[in-house]
Amino acid sequence: MNFESLELKRDMFAIDIANMQGLCKNFLGTYKNIDMGHSDKKITLDGKEHVFFRAERPSEIGYDFVEVILPENQIYMAFGFSDSELLWIQDYLRTNLDKIMQ
């Protein structure tokens, strides 16, 4: 696969993720003022099922948030959370991945 193909696939995956944002209608709960939810399963170009996870909490300037792609547990975007909080969220997702992916 050449570089252009990789860039196209990355860009199309990003477009698919953008379409998944705002679809976190499956509420997981609130922990320490952090609301957590996820999308329904989506099929992407790579043929795998992915779920978009978002956690957010109010802050002085709006909202802190983190967006994660599952099942890879890859942080897509984050703002306002500390490194230790992001690690906690990834650990939470790893522990609950089977339940979320059902």
N, C-alpha and C. Protein backbone atom coordinates (compact mmCIF):
# COMPACT_ATOMS: atom_id res chain seq x y z
N MET A 1 0.85 -1.17 0.00
CA MET A 1 0.00 0.00 0.00
C MET A 1 0.89 1.23 0.00
N ASN A 2 0.57 2.18 -0.84
CA ASN A 2 1.40 3.37 -0.91
C ASN A 2 0.95 4.42 0.10
N PHE A 3 1.76 5.46 0.23
CA PHE A 3 1.50 6.50 1.21
C PHE A 3 0.15 7.18 0.97
N GLU A 4 -0.18 7.46 -0.29
CA GLU A 4 -1.45 8.12 -0.58
C GLU A 4 -2.63 7.28 -0.12
N SER A 5 -2.56 5.96 -0.29
CA SER A 5 -3.63 5.08 0.15
C SER A 5 -3.78 5.11 1.67
N LEU A 6 -2.64 5.13 2.36
CA LEU A 6 -2.69 5.19 3.82
C LEU A 6 -3.32 6.50 4.28
N GLU A 7 -2.95 7.60 3.64
CA GLU A 7 -3.52 8.90 3.99
C GLU A 7 -5.02 8.91 3.73
N LEU A 8 -5.45 8.36 2.62
CA LEU A 8 -6.87 8.32 2.29
C LEU A 8 -7.62 7.49 3.32
N LYS A 9 -7.07 6.33 3.68
CA LYS A 9 -7.74 5.49 4.66
C LYS A 9 -7.82 6.20 6.01
N ARG A 10 -6.74 6.88 6.41
CA ARG A 10 -6.75 7.62 7.67
C ARG A 10 -7.79 8.72 7.63
N ASP A 11 -7.84 9.46 6.53
CA ASP A 11 -8.81 10.54 6.40
C ASP A 11 -10.23 10.02 6.41
N MET A 12 -10.49 8.90 5.76
CA MET A 12 -11.84 8.34 5.73
C MET A 12 -12.23 7.81 7.10
N PHE A 13 -11.26 7.25 7.84
CA PHE A 13 -11.54 6.80 9.20
C PHE A 13 -11.89 8.01 10.06
N ALA A 14 -11.17 9.11 9.87
CA ALA A 14 -11.45 10.33 10.62
C ALA A 14 -12.85 10.85 10.30
N ILE A 15 -13.25 10.76 9.04
CA ILE A 15 -14.60 11.18 8.66
C ILE A 15 -15.64 10.29 9.34
N ASP A 16 -15.38 8.98 9.39
CA ASP A 16 -16.31 8.07 10.05
C ASP A 16 -16.41 8.41 11.54
N ILE A 17 -15.27 8.71 12.17
CA ILE A 17 -15.27 9.08 13.58
C ILE A 17 -16.06 10.36 13.77
N ALA A 18 -15.87 11.32 12.88
CA ALA A 18 -16.62 12.58 12.98
C ALA A 18 -18.12 12.32 12.91
N ASN A 19 -18.53 11.36 12.09
CA ASN A 19 -19.95 11.02 11.99
C ASN A 19 -20.46 10.37 13.27
N MET A 20 -19.58 9.72 14.02
CA MET A 20 -19.97 9.05 15.24
C MET A 20 -20.08 10.03 16.42
N GLN A 21 -19.39 11.15 16.35
CA GLN A 21 -19.45 12.12 17.43
C GLN A 21 -20.88 12.63 17.57
N GLY A 22 -21.29 12.84 18.79
CA GLY A 22 -22.64 13.30 19.03
C GLY A 22 -23.66 12.18 19.08
N LEU A 23 -23.22 10.96 18.86
CA LEU A 23 -24.13 9.81 18.88
C LEU A 23 -24.01 8.99 20.16
N CYS A 24 -23.46 9.58 21.19
CA CYS A 24 -23.24 8.85 22.45
C CYS A 24 -24.54 8.77 23.24
N LYS A 25 -25.50 8.06 22.67
CA LYS A 25 -26.82 7.99 23.29
C LYS A 25 -26.92 6.89 24.34
N ASN A 26 -25.91 6.04 24.45
CA ASN A 26 -25.91 4.98 25.44
C ASN A 26 -25.15 5.47 26.67
N PHE A 27 -25.90 5.94 27.67
CA PHE A 27 -25.32 6.52 28.87
C PHE A 27 -24.78 5.41 29.77
N LEU A 28 -23.50 5.52 30.15
CA LEU A 28 -22.90 4.53 31.04
C LEU A 28 -23.03 4.92 32.50
N GLY A 29 -23.00 6.20 32.78
CA GLY A 29 -23.12 6.65 34.16
C GLY A 29 -22.26 7.87 34.42
N THR A 30 -22.28 8.29 35.68
CA THR A 30 -21.50 9.44 36.12
C THR A 30 -20.61 9.00 37.27
N TYR A 31 -19.35 9.40 37.20
CA TYR A 31 -18.39 9.10 38.27
C TYR A 31 -17.58 10.36 38.52
N LYS A 32 -17.60 10.84 39.76
CA LYS A 32 -16.87 12.06 40.13
C LYS A 32 -17.16 13.21 39.17
N ASN A 33 -18.44 13.41 38.88
CA ASN A 33 -18.92 14.49 38.02
C ASN A 33 -18.52 14.32 36.54
N ILE A 34 -18.11 13.11 36.16
CA ILE A 34 -17.75 12.82 34.77
C ILE A 34 -18.88 11.98 34.16
N ASP A 35 -19.57 12.53 33.17
CA ASP A 35 -20.60 11.78 32.45
C ASP A 35 -19.95 10.97 31.34
N MET A 36 -20.37 9.70 31.21
CA MET A 36 -19.78 8.80 30.23
C MET A 36 -20.86 8.16 29.38
N GLY A 37 -20.60 8.07 28.08
CA GLY A 37 -21.54 7.43 27.18
C GLY A 37 -20.85 6.93 25.94
N HIS A 38 -21.59 6.16 25.14
CA HIS A 38 -20.99 5.63 23.92
C HIS A 38 -22.04 5.51 22.83
N SER A 39 -21.55 5.41 21.61
CA SER A 39 -22.41 5.26 20.44
C SER A 39 -22.81 3.80 20.28
N ASP A 40 -23.73 3.57 19.35
CA ASP A 40 -23.99 2.21 18.91
C ASP A 40 -22.80 1.76 18.06
N LYS A 41 -22.71 0.47 17.77
CA LYS A 41 -21.63 -0.03 16.92
C LYS A 41 -21.73 0.55 15.53
N LYS A 42 -20.59 0.84 14.96
CA LYS A 42 -20.52 1.36 13.59
C LYS A 42 -19.52 0.52 12.81
N ILE A 43 -19.75 0.35 11.55
CA ILE A 43 -18.83 -0.36 10.67
C ILE A 43 -17.99 0.67 9.93
N THR A 44 -16.70 0.48 9.90
CA THR A 44 -15.82 1.40 9.20
C THR A 44 -15.20 0.69 8.00
N LEU A 45 -14.38 1.39 7.28
CA LEU A 45 -13.78 0.85 6.06
C LEU A 45 -12.95 -0.41 6.30
N ASP A 46 -12.38 -0.54 7.49
CA ASP A 46 -11.55 -1.71 7.74
C ASP A 46 -12.39 -2.96 8.04
N GLY A 47 -13.71 -2.82 8.00
CA GLY A 47 -14.59 -3.97 8.19
C GLY A 47 -14.82 -4.35 9.64
N LYS A 48 -14.29 -3.59 10.57
CA LYS A 48 -14.45 -3.90 11.99
C LYS A 48 -15.55 -3.04 12.60
N GLU A 49 -16.13 -3.54 13.69
CA GLU A 49 -17.10 -2.76 14.43
C GLU A 49 -16.35 -1.87 15.41
N HIS A 50 -16.70 -0.59 15.43
CA HIS A 50 -16.09 0.36 16.34
C HIS A 50 -17.18 1.06 17.12
N VAL A 51 -16.86 1.47 18.33
CA VAL A 51 -17.75 2.25 19.17
C VAL A 51 -17.02 3.52 19.56
N PHE A 52 -17.73 4.62 19.54
CA PHE A 52 -17.19 5.92 19.93
C PHE A 52 -17.60 6.18 21.37
N PHE A 53 -16.64 6.41 22.26
CA PHE A 53 -16.88 6.69 23.68
C PHE A 53 -16.54 8.14 23.96
N ARG A 54 -17.35 8.79 24.79
CA ARG A 54 -17.05 10.16 25.20
C ARG A 54 -17.32 10.31 26.69
N ALA A 55 -16.40 10.98 27.37
CA ALA A 55 -16.58 11.35 28.77
C ALA A 55 -16.39 12.86 28.86
N GLU A 56 -17.21 13.50 29.68
CA GLU A 56 -17.08 14.95 29.82
C GLU A 56 -17.52 15.38 31.21
N ARG A 57 -17.02 16.55 31.59
CA ARG A 57 -17.42 17.15 32.86
C ARG A 57 -17.36 18.67 32.70
N PRO A 58 -18.19 19.36 33.46
CA PRO A 58 -18.16 20.82 33.38
C PRO A 58 -16.83 21.34 33.94
N SER A 59 -16.36 22.43 33.36
CA SER A 59 -15.16 23.10 33.87
C SER A 59 -15.41 24.60 33.86
N GLU A 60 -14.44 25.35 34.32
CA GLU A 60 -14.61 26.81 34.39
C GLU A 60 -14.73 27.45 33.01
N ILE A 61 -14.20 26.79 31.98
CA ILE A 61 -14.23 27.37 30.64
C ILE A 61 -15.16 26.61 29.69
N GLY A 62 -15.96 25.74 30.21
CA GLY A 62 -16.88 24.96 29.37
C GLY A 62 -16.94 23.52 29.82
N TYR A 63 -16.30 22.65 29.04
CA TYR A 63 -16.28 21.22 29.36
C TYR A 63 -14.89 20.64 29.12
N ASP A 64 -14.46 19.77 30.04
CA ASP A 64 -13.33 18.89 29.78
C ASP A 64 -13.92 17.66 29.10
N PHE A 65 -13.18 17.06 28.19
CA PHE A 65 -13.72 15.89 27.51
C PHE A 65 -12.59 14.96 27.05
N VAL A 66 -12.98 13.73 26.81
CA VAL A 66 -12.09 12.76 26.18
C VAL A 66 -12.96 11.91 25.25
N GLU A 67 -12.44 11.65 24.06
CA GLU A 67 -13.12 10.82 23.08
C GLU A 67 -12.21 9.65 22.74
N VAL A 68 -12.76 8.45 22.77
CA VAL A 68 -11.98 7.23 22.63
C VAL A 68 -12.65 6.32 21.60
N ILE A 69 -11.85 5.68 20.77
CA ILE A 69 -12.33 4.71 19.79
C ILE A 69 -12.15 3.31 20.39
N LEU A 70 -13.22 2.54 20.38
CA LEU A 70 -13.18 1.18 20.89
C LEU A 70 -13.43 0.21 19.73
N PRO A 71 -12.89 -0.96 19.73
CA PRO A 71 -12.24 -1.65 20.84
C PRO A 71 -10.75 -1.34 21.01
N GLU A 72 -10.19 -0.47 20.16
CA GLU A 72 -8.75 -0.19 20.23
C GLU A 72 -8.36 0.55 21.51
N ASN A 73 -9.33 1.20 22.16
CA ASN A 73 -9.07 1.99 23.35
C ASN A 73 -8.08 3.11 23.04
N GLN A 74 -8.24 3.69 21.86
CA GLN A 74 -7.35 4.75 21.39
C GLN A 74 -8.00 6.10 21.64
N ILE A 75 -7.30 6.97 22.37
CA ILE A 75 -7.81 8.31 22.61
C ILE A 75 -7.73 9.08 21.30
N TYR A 76 -8.87 9.59 20.88
CA TYR A 76 -8.98 10.33 19.62
C TYR A 76 -8.75 11.82 19.88
N MET A 77 -9.37 12.34 20.93
CA MET A 77 -9.20 13.74 21.34
C MET A 77 -9.40 13.83 22.84
N ALA A 78 -8.70 14.78 23.46
CA ALA A 78 -8.87 14.99 24.90
C ALA A 78 -8.53 16.44 25.23
N PHE A 79 -9.23 16.95 26.23
CA PHE A 79 -8.95 18.30 26.70
C PHE A 79 -9.35 18.39 28.17
N GLY A 80 -8.45 18.88 29.01
CA GLY A 80 -8.76 19.18 30.40
C GLY A 80 -8.55 18.06 31.40
N PHE A 81 -8.40 16.83 30.93
CA PHE A 81 -8.16 15.71 31.84
C PHE A 81 -6.65 15.53 32.04
N SER A 82 -6.27 15.17 33.26
CA SER A 82 -4.86 14.90 33.55
C SER A 82 -4.46 13.55 32.97
N ASP A 83 -3.17 13.31 32.88
CA ASP A 83 -2.69 12.01 32.38
C ASP A 83 -3.21 10.86 33.24
N SER A 84 -3.22 11.05 34.56
CA SER A 84 -3.70 9.97 35.43
C SER A 84 -5.20 9.73 35.23
N GLU A 85 -5.97 10.78 34.97
CA GLU A 85 -7.40 10.60 34.71
C GLU A 85 -7.62 9.87 33.38
N LEU A 86 -6.82 10.21 32.37
CA LEU A 86 -6.93 9.52 31.09
C LEU A 86 -6.58 8.05 31.23
N LEU A 87 -5.56 7.74 32.02
CA LEU A 87 -5.21 6.34 32.26
C LEU A 87 -6.34 5.62 32.99
N TRP A 88 -6.99 6.29 33.95
CA TRP A 88 -8.12 5.69 34.66
C TRP A 88 -9.25 5.38 33.68
N ILE A 89 -9.56 6.33 32.79
CA ILE A 89 -10.63 6.13 31.82
C ILE A 89 -10.30 4.96 30.90
N GLN A 90 -9.06 4.89 30.43
CA GLN A 90 -8.68 3.76 29.57
C GLN A 90 -8.76 2.44 30.32
N ASP A 91 -8.40 2.43 31.59
CA ASP A 91 -8.51 1.21 32.39
C ASP A 91 -9.98 0.83 32.58
N TYR A 92 -10.83 1.82 32.84
CA TYR A 92 -12.27 1.58 32.96
C TYR A 92 -12.81 0.96 31.67
N LEU A 93 -12.41 1.51 30.54
CA LEU A 93 -12.87 0.99 29.25
C LEU A 93 -12.36 -0.42 29.00
N ARG A 94 -11.12 -0.68 29.34
CA ARG A 94 -10.55 -2.01 29.16
C ARG A 94 -11.33 -3.03 30.01
N THR A 95 -11.66 -2.66 31.23
CA THR A 95 -12.38 -3.54 32.13
C THR A 95 -13.82 -3.80 31.66
N ASN A 96 -14.45 -2.80 31.05
CA ASN A 96 -15.86 -2.90 30.66
C ASN A 96 -16.06 -3.06 29.15
N LEU A 97 -15.00 -3.38 28.42
CA LEU A 97 -15.06 -3.43 26.96
C LEU A 97 -16.11 -4.42 26.45
N ASP A 98 -16.16 -5.61 27.02
CA ASP A 98 -17.12 -6.61 26.54
C ASP A 98 -18.55 -6.11 26.69
N LYS A 99 -18.86 -5.48 27.82
CA LYS A 99 -20.21 -4.95 28.07
C LYS A 99 -20.53 -3.84 27.07
N ILE A 100 -19.58 -2.95 26.82
CA ILE A 100 -19.81 -1.83 25.92
C ILE A 100 -19.99 -2.31 24.49
N MET A 101 -19.23 -3.31 24.07
CA MET A 101 -19.25 -3.77 22.68
C MET A 101 -20.43 -4.69 22.36
N GLN A 102 -21.23 -5.07 23.36
CA GLN A 102 -22.38 -5.96 23.11
C GLN A 102 -23.41 -5.29 22.24
